[in-house]
Amino acid sequence: MSPPRDASRLTSGRKVRLLADAKRRADPSFPDFALADSPFYLLVRTAGQYELAMANALRDIGMDLPSWRALMIVHEHSPTSVSEIAAESVTRLSTMTRVVQRLEKQGFVKLAQSEADARVTQVSITPSGERAALRVRQVASTLFSAAFGNSTAVEIAALNQMLRRLHGTLAELPKRNAK
């Protein structure tokens, strides 16, 4: 049986039991596993909703999600390599190479061969890219305000801390060679 979603109607004892069972209900190996209580399921659903909303908002200014991610990374870390952008955005290198080439054609970034390593392509933001990044940040800010308008700074900091920890843990898992 799924727990009631409105915790305000629960007795304090029932709330404590539900919290104590939260980790167990989130673990797929347990018989009482509930998909709706799985953090990964909730993360994917939330990320999916965010991506839909962001893609729609970005379309209005002629940008797409992969370009937005790459542009924001280059905006913060210019110059940087294509492989660093791919790693930071959790995107395949071949995909990110095409994304930065599109950004170059739009005049938002400049590509150059690294002086230290000829195999590395350095990506630098252009003045036009800086202006585009500011426009995109305004779009992202509107979505952020809608999503987190009722959240406290402490809640956002706690969420960010947990997400960083989860990302780090998952990034340390053994990697399989994917084709």
N, C-alpha and C. Protein backbone atom coordinates (compact mmCIF):
# COMPACT_ATOMS: atom_id res chain seq x y z
N MET A 1 0.84 -1.18 0.00
CA MET A 1 0.00 0.00 0.00
C MET A 1 0.88 1.24 0.00
N SER A 2 0.58 2.16 -0.87
CA SER A 2 1.36 3.40 -0.95
C SER A 2 0.99 4.32 0.19
N PRO A 3 1.97 5.05 0.74
CA PRO A 3 1.66 6.00 1.80
C PRO A 3 0.90 7.18 1.25
N PRO A 4 0.07 7.80 2.08
CA PRO A 4 -0.62 9.01 1.63
C PRO A 4 0.40 10.07 1.28
N ARG A 5 0.14 10.82 0.23
CA ARG A 5 1.08 11.85 -0.22
C ARG A 5 0.96 13.12 0.61
N ASP A 6 -0.16 13.34 1.27
CA ASP A 6 -0.33 14.54 2.09
C ASP A 6 0.08 14.23 3.52
N ALA A 7 1.37 14.45 3.82
CA ALA A 7 1.91 14.11 5.13
C ALA A 7 1.30 14.93 6.25
N SER A 8 0.68 16.05 5.95
CA SER A 8 0.10 16.89 7.00
C SER A 8 -1.05 16.19 7.70
N ARG A 9 -1.66 15.20 7.04
CA ARG A 9 -2.79 14.49 7.65
C ARG A 9 -2.37 13.26 8.43
N LEU A 10 -1.07 13.00 8.52
CA LEU A 10 -0.57 11.82 9.21
C LEU A 10 -0.25 12.13 10.66
N THR A 11 -0.35 11.12 11.51
CA THR A 11 0.07 11.28 12.90
C THR A 11 1.59 11.31 12.92
N SER A 12 2.17 11.85 13.97
CA SER A 12 3.63 11.95 14.02
C SER A 12 4.27 10.57 14.02
N GLY A 13 3.67 9.59 14.65
CA GLY A 13 4.21 8.23 14.66
C GLY A 13 4.22 7.64 13.25
N ARG A 14 3.16 7.85 12.52
CA ARG A 14 3.07 7.33 11.14
C ARG A 14 4.10 8.04 10.24
N LYS A 15 4.29 9.35 10.46
CA LYS A 15 5.30 10.08 9.68
C LYS A 15 6.69 9.49 9.92
N VAL A 16 7.02 9.19 11.17
CA VAL A 16 8.34 8.63 11.50
C VAL A 16 8.51 7.27 10.83
N ARG A 17 7.47 6.41 10.87
CA ARG A 17 7.56 5.10 10.22
C ARG A 17 7.74 5.24 8.71
N LEU A 18 7.01 6.17 8.11
CA LEU A 18 7.15 6.39 6.67
C LEU A 18 8.55 6.86 6.31
N LEU A 19 9.09 7.76 7.12
CA LEU A 19 10.45 8.24 6.87
C LEU A 19 11.46 7.11 7.05
N ALA A 20 11.27 6.29 8.08
CA ALA A 20 12.18 5.18 8.32
C ALA A 20 12.15 4.18 7.17
N ASP A 21 11.01 4.01 6.54
CA ASP A 21 10.87 3.08 5.42
C ASP A 21 11.23 3.71 4.08
N ALA A 22 11.49 4.99 4.02
CA ALA A 22 11.71 5.68 2.75
C ALA A 22 12.87 5.08 1.97
N LYS A 23 13.97 4.80 2.63
CA LYS A 23 15.13 4.25 1.92
C LYS A 23 14.82 2.84 1.42
N ARG A 24 14.12 2.06 2.23
CA ARG A 24 13.77 0.70 1.84
C ARG A 24 12.81 0.71 0.65
N ARG A 25 11.80 1.56 0.69
CA ARG A 25 10.83 1.64 -0.40
C ARG A 25 11.49 2.13 -1.70
N ALA A 26 12.58 2.85 -1.59
CA ALA A 26 13.28 3.38 -2.76
C ALA A 26 14.23 2.38 -3.38
N ASP A 27 14.54 1.29 -2.67
CA ASP A 27 15.50 0.28 -3.14
C ASP A 27 14.77 -0.79 -3.94
N PRO A 28 15.08 -0.93 -5.23
CA PRO A 28 14.37 -1.90 -6.08
C PRO A 28 14.48 -3.35 -5.61
N SER A 29 15.44 -3.68 -4.75
CA SER A 29 15.58 -5.06 -4.30
C SER A 29 14.57 -5.45 -3.22
N PHE A 30 13.89 -4.50 -2.63
CA PHE A 30 12.94 -4.81 -1.57
C PHE A 30 11.55 -5.08 -2.12
N PRO A 31 10.82 -6.02 -1.51
CA PRO A 31 9.48 -6.37 -2.00
C PRO A 31 8.50 -5.20 -1.99
N ASP A 32 8.68 -4.28 -1.06
CA ASP A 32 7.74 -3.14 -0.99
C ASP A 32 8.25 -1.91 -1.75
N PHE A 33 9.18 -2.17 -2.69
CA PHE A 33 9.68 -1.09 -3.55
C PHE A 33 8.51 -0.40 -4.24
N ALA A 34 8.57 0.94 -4.27
CA ALA A 34 7.55 1.72 -4.96
C ALA A 34 8.25 2.69 -5.91
N LEU A 35 7.98 2.54 -7.19
CA LEU A 35 8.62 3.38 -8.20
C LEU A 35 8.46 4.86 -7.86
N ALA A 36 7.29 5.24 -7.38
CA ALA A 36 7.03 6.64 -7.05
C ALA A 36 7.91 7.16 -5.91
N ASP A 37 8.55 6.25 -5.17
CA ASP A 37 9.44 6.65 -4.08
C ASP A 37 10.92 6.48 -4.45
N SER A 38 11.20 6.14 -5.69
CA SER A 38 12.57 5.95 -6.15
C SER A 38 13.19 7.30 -6.49
N PRO A 39 14.29 7.67 -5.84
CA PRO A 39 14.94 8.95 -6.17
C PRO A 39 15.36 9.05 -7.62
N PHE A 40 15.85 7.96 -8.20
CA PHE A 40 16.28 8.02 -9.59
C PHE A 40 15.09 8.22 -10.53
N TYR A 41 13.99 7.56 -10.24
CA TYR A 41 12.77 7.75 -11.03
C TYR A 41 12.32 9.21 -10.95
N LEU A 42 12.33 9.75 -9.73
CA LEU A 42 11.90 11.14 -9.54
C LEU A 42 12.88 12.11 -10.21
N LEU A 43 14.18 11.81 -10.14
CA LEU A 43 15.16 12.66 -10.82
C LEU A 43 14.94 12.67 -12.33
N VAL A 44 14.73 11.49 -12.90
CA VAL A 44 14.53 11.40 -14.34
C VAL A 44 13.25 12.11 -14.75
N ARG A 45 12.19 11.92 -13.99
CA ARG A 45 10.93 12.61 -14.30
C ARG A 45 11.09 14.12 -14.21
N THR A 46 11.77 14.56 -13.15
CA THR A 46 11.98 16.00 -12.96
C THR A 46 12.86 16.56 -14.06
N ALA A 47 13.95 15.85 -14.37
CA ALA A 47 14.84 16.31 -15.45
C ALA A 47 14.10 16.33 -16.78
N GLY A 48 13.26 15.35 -17.02
CA GLY A 48 12.48 15.31 -18.25
C GLY A 48 11.53 16.49 -18.36
N GLN A 49 10.83 16.80 -17.27
CA GLN A 49 9.92 17.96 -17.28
C GLN A 49 10.69 19.25 -17.49
N TYR A 50 11.84 19.35 -16.82
CA TYR A 50 12.68 20.53 -16.97
C TYR A 50 13.15 20.67 -18.42
N GLU A 51 13.61 19.55 -19.00
CA GLU A 51 14.11 19.61 -20.37
C GLU A 51 13.01 20.00 -21.36
N LEU A 52 11.80 19.49 -21.15
CA LEU A 52 10.68 19.88 -22.02
C LEU A 52 10.41 21.38 -21.91
N ALA A 53 10.32 21.85 -20.68
CA ALA A 53 10.04 23.28 -20.46
C ALA A 53 11.17 24.15 -20.99
N MET A 54 12.41 23.74 -20.74
CA MET A 54 13.56 24.53 -21.18
C MET A 54 13.67 24.51 -22.71
N ALA A 55 13.44 23.35 -23.32
CA ALA A 55 13.50 23.26 -24.79
C ALA A 55 12.47 24.19 -25.42
N ASN A 56 11.27 24.23 -24.87
CA ASN A 56 10.24 25.13 -25.39
C ASN A 56 10.64 26.59 -25.23
N ALA A 57 11.18 26.93 -24.06
CA ALA A 57 11.59 28.32 -23.80
C ALA A 57 12.77 28.72 -24.69
N LEU A 58 13.72 27.80 -24.88
CA LEU A 58 14.89 28.09 -25.70
C LEU A 58 14.54 28.22 -27.17
N ARG A 59 13.57 27.44 -27.61
CA ARG A 59 13.16 27.49 -29.02
C ARG A 59 12.74 28.91 -29.39
N ASP A 60 12.11 29.60 -28.45
CA ASP A 60 11.65 30.97 -28.71
C ASP A 60 12.80 31.93 -29.01
N ILE A 61 14.01 31.60 -28.57
CA ILE A 61 15.16 32.47 -28.84
C ILE A 61 16.16 31.80 -29.79
N GLY A 62 15.75 30.71 -30.44
CA GLY A 62 16.59 30.07 -31.44
C GLY A 62 17.73 29.24 -30.90
N MET A 63 17.54 28.65 -29.74
CA MET A 63 18.60 27.85 -29.10
C MET A 63 18.03 26.47 -28.78
N ASP A 64 18.90 25.46 -28.68
CA ASP A 64 18.47 24.13 -28.24
C ASP A 64 19.21 23.76 -26.97
N LEU A 65 18.77 22.68 -26.32
CA LEU A 65 19.35 22.29 -25.04
C LEU A 65 20.85 21.97 -25.09
N PRO A 66 21.31 21.14 -26.02
CA PRO A 66 22.75 20.85 -26.04
C PRO A 66 23.59 22.11 -26.27
N SER A 67 23.11 23.00 -27.13
CA SER A 67 23.85 24.26 -27.37
C SER A 67 23.85 25.13 -26.13
N TRP A 68 22.71 25.17 -25.44
CA TRP A 68 22.62 25.94 -24.20
C TRP A 68 23.61 25.43 -23.17
N ARG A 69 23.65 24.11 -22.98
CA ARG A 69 24.59 23.54 -22.00
C ARG A 69 26.03 23.89 -22.36
N ALA A 70 26.38 23.69 -23.61
CA ALA A 70 27.75 23.97 -24.05
C ALA A 70 28.08 25.45 -23.88
N LEU A 71 27.16 26.31 -24.30
CA LEU A 71 27.39 27.75 -24.21
C LEU A 71 27.57 28.19 -22.75
N MET A 72 26.78 27.63 -21.84
CA MET A 72 26.90 28.02 -20.43
C MET A 72 28.25 27.57 -19.86
N ILE A 73 28.70 26.38 -20.26
CA ILE A 73 30.00 25.89 -19.77
C ILE A 73 31.13 26.76 -20.32
N VAL A 74 31.09 27.08 -21.60
CA VAL A 74 32.13 27.93 -22.19
C VAL A 74 32.05 29.34 -21.60
N HIS A 75 30.84 29.81 -21.33
CA HIS A 75 30.66 31.12 -20.71
C HIS A 75 31.40 31.19 -19.37
N GLU A 76 31.35 30.10 -18.60
CA GLU A 76 31.99 30.07 -17.29
C GLU A 76 33.46 29.68 -17.34
N HIS A 77 33.86 28.91 -18.36
CA HIS A 77 35.23 28.38 -18.42
C HIS A 77 35.80 28.55 -19.83
N SER A 78 36.10 29.76 -20.19
CA SER A 78 36.64 30.01 -21.52
C SER A 78 38.10 30.44 -21.40
N PRO A 79 39.00 29.82 -22.14
CA PRO A 79 38.79 28.72 -23.06
C PRO A 79 38.74 27.38 -22.32
N THR A 80 38.12 26.41 -22.98
CA THR A 80 38.04 25.05 -22.47
C THR A 80 38.03 24.10 -23.66
N SER A 81 38.30 22.85 -23.43
CA SER A 81 38.36 21.89 -24.53
C SER A 81 36.99 21.27 -24.78
N VAL A 82 36.81 20.76 -25.98
CA VAL A 82 35.56 20.09 -26.33
C VAL A 82 35.34 18.90 -25.40
N SER A 83 36.40 18.17 -25.09
CA SER A 83 36.26 17.00 -24.22
C SER A 83 35.86 17.41 -22.80
N GLU A 84 36.35 18.55 -22.33
CA GLU A 84 35.94 19.03 -21.00
C GLU A 84 34.47 19.45 -21.01
N ILE A 85 34.01 20.07 -22.09
CA ILE A 85 32.60 20.45 -22.20
C ILE A 85 31.74 19.19 -22.22
N ALA A 86 32.16 18.19 -22.97
CA ALA A 86 31.41 16.93 -23.05
C ALA A 86 31.33 16.26 -21.68
N ALA A 87 32.45 16.22 -20.97
CA ALA A 87 32.47 15.59 -19.65
C ALA A 87 31.59 16.36 -18.67
N GLU A 88 31.68 17.67 -18.68
CA GLU A 88 30.91 18.51 -17.76
C GLU A 88 29.41 18.39 -18.01
N SER A 89 29.03 18.26 -19.27
CA SER A 89 27.61 18.20 -19.62
C SER A 89 27.10 16.76 -19.74
N VAL A 90 27.96 15.79 -19.46
CA VAL A 90 27.62 14.36 -19.56
C VAL A 90 27.04 14.07 -20.95
N THR A 91 27.82 14.42 -21.95
CA THR A 91 27.44 14.25 -23.35
C THR A 91 28.57 13.53 -24.07
N ARG A 92 28.23 12.68 -25.02
CA ARG A 92 29.26 11.98 -25.80
C ARG A 92 30.11 13.02 -26.54
N LEU A 93 31.40 12.73 -26.65
CA LEU A 93 32.34 13.64 -27.30
C LEU A 93 31.93 13.92 -28.74
N SER A 94 31.51 12.90 -29.48
CA SER A 94 31.12 13.11 -30.88
C SER A 94 29.93 14.06 -30.98
N THR A 95 28.98 13.92 -30.06
CA THR A 95 27.81 14.81 -30.05
C THR A 95 28.24 16.23 -29.72
N MET A 96 29.08 16.37 -28.70
CA MET A 96 29.51 17.71 -28.29
C MET A 96 30.34 18.37 -29.37
N THR A 97 31.12 17.60 -30.11
CA THR A 97 31.90 18.17 -31.21
C THR A 97 30.96 18.84 -32.22
N ARG A 98 29.86 18.16 -32.57
CA ARG A 98 28.89 18.74 -33.50
C ARG A 98 28.22 19.98 -32.90
N VAL A 99 27.93 19.94 -31.60
CA VAL A 99 27.29 21.08 -30.94
C VAL A 99 28.19 22.31 -31.00
N VAL A 100 29.46 22.16 -30.64
CA VAL A 100 30.35 23.33 -30.65
C VAL A 100 30.61 23.81 -32.07
N GLN A 101 30.58 22.91 -33.03
CA GLN A 101 30.71 23.35 -34.43
C GLN A 101 29.51 24.20 -34.84
N ARG A 102 28.31 23.82 -34.38
CA ARG A 102 27.11 24.65 -34.65
C ARG A 102 27.25 26.02 -33.98
N LEU A 103 27.74 26.01 -32.73
CA LEU A 103 27.92 27.28 -32.02
C LEU A 103 28.95 28.16 -32.72
N GLU A 104 29.97 27.54 -33.30
CA GLU A 104 30.97 28.30 -34.05
C GLU A 104 30.33 28.93 -35.29
N LYS A 105 29.51 28.17 -36.00
CA LYS A 105 28.84 28.69 -37.20
C LYS A 105 27.92 29.86 -36.85
N GLN A 106 27.36 29.83 -35.65
CA GLN A 106 26.49 30.92 -35.20
C GLN A 106 27.29 32.11 -34.70
N GLY A 107 28.59 31.95 -34.57
CA GLY A 107 29.45 33.04 -34.11
C GLY A 107 29.52 33.18 -32.60
N PHE A 108 29.06 32.16 -31.85
CA PHE A 108 29.04 32.23 -30.39
C PHE A 108 30.34 31.78 -29.75
N VAL A 109 31.09 30.92 -30.45
CA VAL A 109 32.37 30.45 -29.93
C VAL A 109 33.39 30.46 -31.05
N LYS A 110 34.65 30.40 -30.64
CA LYS A 110 35.77 30.31 -31.59
C LYS A 110 36.52 29.03 -31.25
N LEU A 111 36.83 28.23 -32.27
CA LEU A 111 37.56 26.98 -32.08
C LEU A 111 39.01 27.18 -32.52
N ALA A 112 39.91 26.58 -31.76
CA ALA A 112 41.33 26.66 -32.11
C ALA A 112 42.02 25.40 -31.60
N GLN A 113 43.06 25.03 -32.31
CA GLN A 113 43.86 23.90 -31.90
C GLN A 113 44.69 24.30 -30.68
N SER A 114 44.76 23.43 -29.69
CA SER A 114 45.56 23.70 -28.50
C SER A 114 47.03 23.77 -28.86
N GLU A 115 47.73 24.75 -28.33
CA GLU A 115 49.16 24.86 -28.57
C GLU A 115 49.92 23.76 -27.84
N ALA A 116 49.38 23.32 -26.70
CA ALA A 116 50.06 22.29 -25.90
C ALA A 116 49.85 20.89 -26.47
N ASP A 117 48.69 20.65 -27.11
CA ASP A 117 48.37 19.32 -27.62
C ASP A 117 47.52 19.48 -28.88
N ALA A 118 48.08 19.18 -30.01
CA ALA A 118 47.38 19.40 -31.29
C ALA A 118 46.12 18.57 -31.44
N ARG A 119 45.96 17.54 -30.62
CA ARG A 119 44.75 16.71 -30.70
C ARG A 119 43.56 17.37 -30.00
N VAL A 120 43.81 18.42 -29.23
CA VAL A 120 42.79 19.06 -28.42
C VAL A 120 42.27 20.31 -29.11
N THR A 121 40.94 20.42 -29.18
CA THR A 121 40.30 21.62 -29.72
C THR A 121 39.86 22.49 -28.56
N GLN A 122 40.38 23.71 -28.53
CA GLN A 122 40.01 24.68 -27.50
C GLN A 122 38.81 25.49 -27.98
N VAL A 123 37.89 25.76 -27.06
CA VAL A 123 36.68 26.52 -27.37
C VAL A 123 36.70 27.78 -26.52
N SER A 124 36.57 28.93 -27.17
CA SER A 124 36.52 30.22 -26.48
C SER A 124 35.23 30.92 -26.84
N ILE A 125 34.67 31.62 -25.89
CA ILE A 125 33.42 32.35 -26.14
C ILE A 125 33.74 33.67 -26.85
N THR A 126 32.87 34.07 -27.72
CA THR A 126 33.01 35.34 -28.45
C THR A 126 32.11 36.38 -27.80
N PRO A 127 32.28 37.65 -28.15
CA PRO A 127 31.36 38.68 -27.63
C PRO A 127 29.90 38.36 -27.97
N SER A 128 29.65 37.84 -29.16
CA SER A 128 28.29 37.44 -29.54
C SER A 128 27.80 36.30 -28.66
N GLY A 129 28.70 35.39 -28.33
CA GLY A 129 28.37 34.28 -27.42
C GLY A 129 28.06 34.77 -26.03
N GLU A 130 28.79 35.78 -25.57
CA GLU A 130 28.51 36.38 -24.25
C GLU A 130 27.10 36.97 -24.22
N ARG A 131 26.72 37.67 -25.29
CA ARG A 131 25.37 38.25 -25.36
C ARG A 131 24.32 37.15 -25.39
N ALA A 132 24.58 36.09 -26.15
CA ALA A 132 23.64 34.97 -26.23
C ALA A 132 23.51 34.29 -24.87
N ALA A 133 24.62 34.14 -24.16
CA ALA A 133 24.59 33.52 -22.83
C ALA A 133 23.73 34.34 -21.87
N LEU A 134 23.81 35.66 -21.95
CA LEU A 134 22.98 36.50 -21.09
C LEU A 134 21.50 36.35 -21.42
N ARG A 135 21.16 36.25 -22.70
CA ARG A 135 19.75 36.02 -23.10
C ARG A 135 19.25 34.67 -22.58
N VAL A 136 20.07 33.66 -22.73
CA VAL A 136 19.70 32.31 -22.30
C VAL A 136 19.56 32.26 -20.78
N ARG A 137 20.42 32.98 -20.08
CA ARG A 137 20.32 33.01 -18.61
C ARG A 137 19.00 33.64 -18.16
N GLN A 138 18.53 34.61 -18.91
CA GLN A 138 17.22 35.21 -18.57
C GLN A 138 16.10 34.20 -18.75
N VAL A 139 16.16 33.42 -19.82
CA VAL A 139 15.17 32.36 -20.05
C VAL A 139 15.24 31.34 -18.92
N ALA A 140 16.45 30.92 -18.58
CA ALA A 140 16.64 29.94 -17.52
C ALA A 140 16.19 30.48 -16.17
N SER A 141 16.38 31.76 -15.95
CA SER A 141 15.97 32.39 -14.69
C SER A 141 14.45 32.35 -14.52
N THR A 142 13.73 32.58 -15.60
CA THR A 142 12.27 32.53 -15.53
C THR A 142 11.81 31.13 -15.13
N LEU A 143 12.42 30.13 -15.72
CA LEU A 143 12.07 28.74 -15.40
C LEU A 143 12.49 28.40 -13.97
N PHE A 144 13.66 28.85 -13.57
CA PHE A 144 14.13 28.63 -12.19
C PHE A 144 13.15 29.22 -11.19
N SER A 145 12.72 30.45 -11.44
CA SER A 145 11.79 31.12 -10.52
C SER A 145 10.47 30.38 -10.43
N ALA A 146 10.00 29.87 -11.55
CA ALA A 146 8.74 29.11 -11.53
C ALA A 146 8.91 27.81 -10.74
N ALA A 147 10.03 27.14 -10.91
CA ALA A 147 10.24 25.86 -10.25
C ALA A 147 10.60 25.99 -8.78
N PHE A 148 11.40 26.99 -8.43
CA PHE A 148 11.92 27.11 -7.07
C PHE A 148 11.40 28.33 -6.31
N GLY A 149 10.38 28.98 -6.83
CA GLY A 149 9.86 30.18 -6.19
C GLY A 149 9.47 30.01 -4.74
N ASN A 150 8.98 28.83 -4.38
CA ASN A 150 8.55 28.59 -2.99
C ASN A 150 9.60 27.86 -2.17
N SER A 151 10.78 27.67 -2.71
CA SER A 151 11.85 26.96 -2.00
C SER A 151 12.73 27.95 -1.25
N THR A 152 13.25 27.50 -0.13
CA THR A 152 14.16 28.34 0.65
C THR A 152 15.59 28.14 0.15
N ALA A 153 16.45 29.06 0.53
CA ALA A 153 17.87 28.94 0.18
C ALA A 153 18.46 27.68 0.80
N VAL A 154 18.03 27.34 2.01
CA VAL A 154 18.53 26.13 2.70
C VAL A 154 18.10 24.88 1.93
N GLU A 155 16.87 24.84 1.45
CA GLU A 155 16.39 23.69 0.67
C GLU A 155 17.18 23.54 -0.63
N ILE A 156 17.43 24.64 -1.29
CA ILE A 156 18.18 24.59 -2.55
C ILE A 156 19.62 24.15 -2.30
N ALA A 157 20.24 24.67 -1.24
CA ALA A 157 21.61 24.27 -0.90
C ALA A 157 21.66 22.78 -0.56
N ALA A 158 20.68 22.28 0.18
CA ALA A 158 20.65 20.86 0.54
C ALA A 158 20.45 19.99 -0.70
N LEU A 159 19.57 20.40 -1.57
CA LEU A 159 19.33 19.66 -2.81
C LEU A 159 20.61 19.63 -3.65
N ASN A 160 21.25 20.77 -3.83
CA ASN A 160 22.49 20.84 -4.60
C ASN A 160 23.58 19.97 -3.99
N GLN A 161 23.69 19.99 -2.66
CA GLN A 161 24.71 19.18 -1.98
C GLN A 161 24.45 17.69 -2.24
N MET A 162 23.21 17.26 -2.11
CA MET A 162 22.89 15.86 -2.33
C MET A 162 23.11 15.46 -3.79
N LEU A 163 22.71 16.31 -4.72
CA LEU A 163 22.89 15.99 -6.13
C LEU A 163 24.38 15.92 -6.49
N ARG A 164 25.19 16.81 -5.95
CA ARG A 164 26.63 16.76 -6.21
C ARG A 164 27.23 15.46 -5.67
N ARG A 165 26.80 15.07 -4.47
CA ARG A 165 27.30 13.83 -3.87
C ARG A 165 26.89 12.62 -4.72
N LEU A 166 25.62 12.57 -5.13
CA LEU A 166 25.16 11.47 -5.98
C LEU A 166 25.92 11.42 -7.30
N HIS A 167 26.10 12.58 -7.92
CA HIS A 167 26.84 12.63 -9.18
C HIS A 167 28.25 12.10 -8.99
N GLY A 168 28.91 12.53 -7.94
CA GLY A 168 30.27 12.07 -7.67
C GLY A 168 30.32 10.57 -7.44
N THR A 169 29.38 10.04 -6.69
CA THR A 169 29.33 8.60 -6.43
C THR A 169 29.11 7.82 -7.72
N LEU A 170 28.16 8.26 -8.53
CA LEU A 170 27.88 7.58 -9.79
C LEU A 170 29.04 7.70 -10.76
N ALA A 171 29.72 8.83 -10.76
CA ALA A 171 30.86 9.03 -11.66
C ALA A 171 32.02 8.10 -11.31
N GLU A 172 32.08 7.67 -10.06
CA GLU A 172 33.16 6.78 -9.61
C GLU A 172 32.88 5.31 -9.90
N LEU A 173 31.66 4.97 -10.32
CA LEU A 173 31.34 3.58 -10.63
C LEU A 173 32.19 3.12 -11.80
N PRO A 174 32.52 1.83 -11.84
CA PRO A 174 33.31 1.32 -12.98
C PRO A 174 32.59 1.62 -14.29
N LYS A 175 33.35 2.03 -15.26
CA LYS A 175 32.78 2.35 -16.56
C LYS A 175 32.94 1.18 -17.51
N ARG A 176 31.90 0.92 -18.28
CA ARG A 176 31.97 -0.10 -19.32
C ARG A 176 32.25 0.59 -20.63
N ASN A 177 32.96 -0.08 -21.50
CA ASN A 177 33.22 0.47 -22.82
C ASN A 177 31.93 0.46 -23.62
N ALA A 178 31.39 1.62 -23.91
CA ALA A 178 30.17 1.73 -24.69
C ALA A 178 30.52 2.02 -26.13
N LYS A 179 29.79 1.39 -27.03
CA LYS A 179 30.06 1.62 -28.45
C LYS A 179 29.04 2.54 -29.02
